[in-house]
Amino acid sequence: MTNLFADTNSEVSIGAPQASEEERMRGLIESISSYIEHYHGGAVSMVGYDGKVLNVRLSGACTGCELAPVTLHGWVEGTVRQFFPDLETVTAV
């Protein structure tokens, strides 16, 4: 029997394929959007991500809202940078 925790310096694989960086980003944006939708009536969706630049679309109550830049750079960019520190910029398209 193999001890999966014997070598803490190696990756442990349990048979499931690893999500790509783009898939992880999409999942994070979906989580952020769920919060925004539930509490503020707006939404954010990922349009594209190349490893450095994240393009998103704000919709719902965010459309035309004066606080959309705060949502974009505060909530979205601030949260994403915690998980993707190499991100250079987040742009609304």
Protein backbone atom coordinates (compact mmCIF):
# COMPACT_ATOMS: atom_id res chain seq x y z
CA MET A 1 0.00 0.00 0.00
CA THR A 2 1.36 3.40 -0.99
CA ASN A 3 1.44 6.20 1.53
CA LEU A 4 0.25 9.30 -0.36
CA PHE A 5 1.60 11.58 2.37
CA ALA A 6 5.08 10.10 2.68
CA ASP A 7 6.77 12.66 0.42
CA THR A 8 5.35 16.12 1.03
CA ASN A 9 7.61 17.64 -1.63
CA SER A 10 6.02 15.77 -4.54
CA GLU A 11 2.64 16.27 -6.15
CA VAL A 12 -0.03 13.79 -5.16
CA SER A 13 -2.21 12.56 -7.97
CA ILE A 14 -5.41 10.70 -7.24
CA GLY A 15 -6.28 10.00 -10.84
CA ALA A 16 -8.17 13.19 -11.62
CA PRO A 17 -6.71 15.40 -14.35
CA GLN A 18 -5.38 18.76 -13.21
CA ALA A 19 -7.39 21.81 -14.28
CA SER A 20 -5.63 24.18 -16.64
CA GLU A 21 -4.84 27.70 -15.49
CA GLU A 22 -7.63 29.00 -17.74
CA GLU A 23 -10.13 26.54 -16.23
CA ARG A 24 -9.13 27.58 -12.72
CA MET A 25 -9.53 31.26 -13.69
CA ARG A 26 -12.96 30.59 -15.20
CA GLY A 27 -14.06 28.81 -12.01
CA LEU A 28 -12.84 31.68 -9.86
CA ILE A 29 -14.67 34.24 -11.99
CA GLU A 30 -17.85 32.15 -11.78
CA SER A 31 -17.54 32.14 -7.98
CA ILE A 32 -17.02 35.90 -7.85
CA SER A 33 -19.98 36.38 -10.20
CA SER A 34 -22.23 34.25 -7.99
CA TYR A 35 -21.52 36.57 -5.08
CA ILE A 36 -22.07 39.72 -7.15
CA GLU A 37 -25.31 38.31 -8.60
CA HIS A 38 -26.67 37.29 -5.23
CA TYR A 39 -25.88 40.46 -3.31
CA HIS A 40 -25.86 43.19 -5.96
CA GLY A 41 -27.78 41.99 -9.01
CA GLY A 42 -24.79 42.30 -11.31
CA ALA A 43 -22.59 39.71 -12.93
CA VAL A 44 -19.09 39.20 -14.29
CA SER A 45 -18.06 36.70 -16.95
CA MET A 46 -14.68 35.75 -18.33
CA VAL A 47 -14.18 36.71 -21.97
CA GLY A 48 -10.52 35.73 -22.26
CA TYR A 49 -7.36 35.04 -20.31
CA ASP A 50 -3.84 34.71 -21.71
CA GLY A 51 -1.89 34.20 -18.49
CA LYS A 52 -1.20 37.91 -17.98
CA VAL A 53 -4.34 39.77 -19.06
CA LEU A 54 -7.88 38.89 -17.96
CA ASN A 55 -10.76 40.26 -20.04
CA VAL A 56 -14.17 40.22 -18.39
CA ARG A 57 -17.65 41.48 -19.14
CA LEU A 58 -19.73 43.15 -16.45
CA SER A 59 -23.49 42.84 -16.88
CA GLY A 60 -26.78 43.07 -15.01
CA ALA A 61 -26.86 45.84 -12.42
CA CYS A 62 -23.18 46.56 -13.16
CA THR A 63 -24.11 47.91 -16.60
CA GLY A 64 -24.02 51.68 -16.33
CA CYS A 65 -23.35 51.64 -12.59
CA GLU A 66 -21.02 54.37 -11.36
CA LEU A 67 -19.36 51.85 -9.05
CA ALA A 68 -18.53 49.35 -11.83
CA PRO A 69 -14.82 50.35 -11.76
CA VAL A 70 -14.75 49.57 -8.03
CA THR A 71 -16.35 46.19 -8.70
CA LEU A 72 -13.89 45.51 -11.53
CA HIS A 73 -10.69 46.54 -9.78
CA GLY A 74 -11.66 46.05 -6.14
CA TRP A 75 -13.62 42.81 -6.11
CA VAL A 76 -12.68 41.10 -9.33
CA GLU A 77 -9.04 42.12 -9.78
CA GLY A 78 -8.31 42.16 -6.05
CA THR A 79 -9.66 38.64 -5.57
CA VAL A 80 -8.08 37.22 -8.72
CA ARG A 81 -4.61 38.57 -7.80
CA GLN A 82 -4.73 36.56 -4.57
CA PHE A 83 -4.84 33.35 -6.59
CA PHE A 84 -2.99 34.49 -9.75
CA PRO A 85 -0.21 36.84 -8.57
CA ASP A 86 1.38 37.03 -12.05
CA LEU A 87 -1.75 38.70 -13.47
CA GLU A 88 -0.83 42.04 -15.02
CA THR A 89 -4.23 43.60 -15.66
CA VAL A 90 -7.97 43.07 -15.66
CA THR A 91 -9.94 44.82 -18.39
CA ALA A 92 -13.68 45.16 -18.91
CA VAL A 93 -14.67 44.61 -22.53
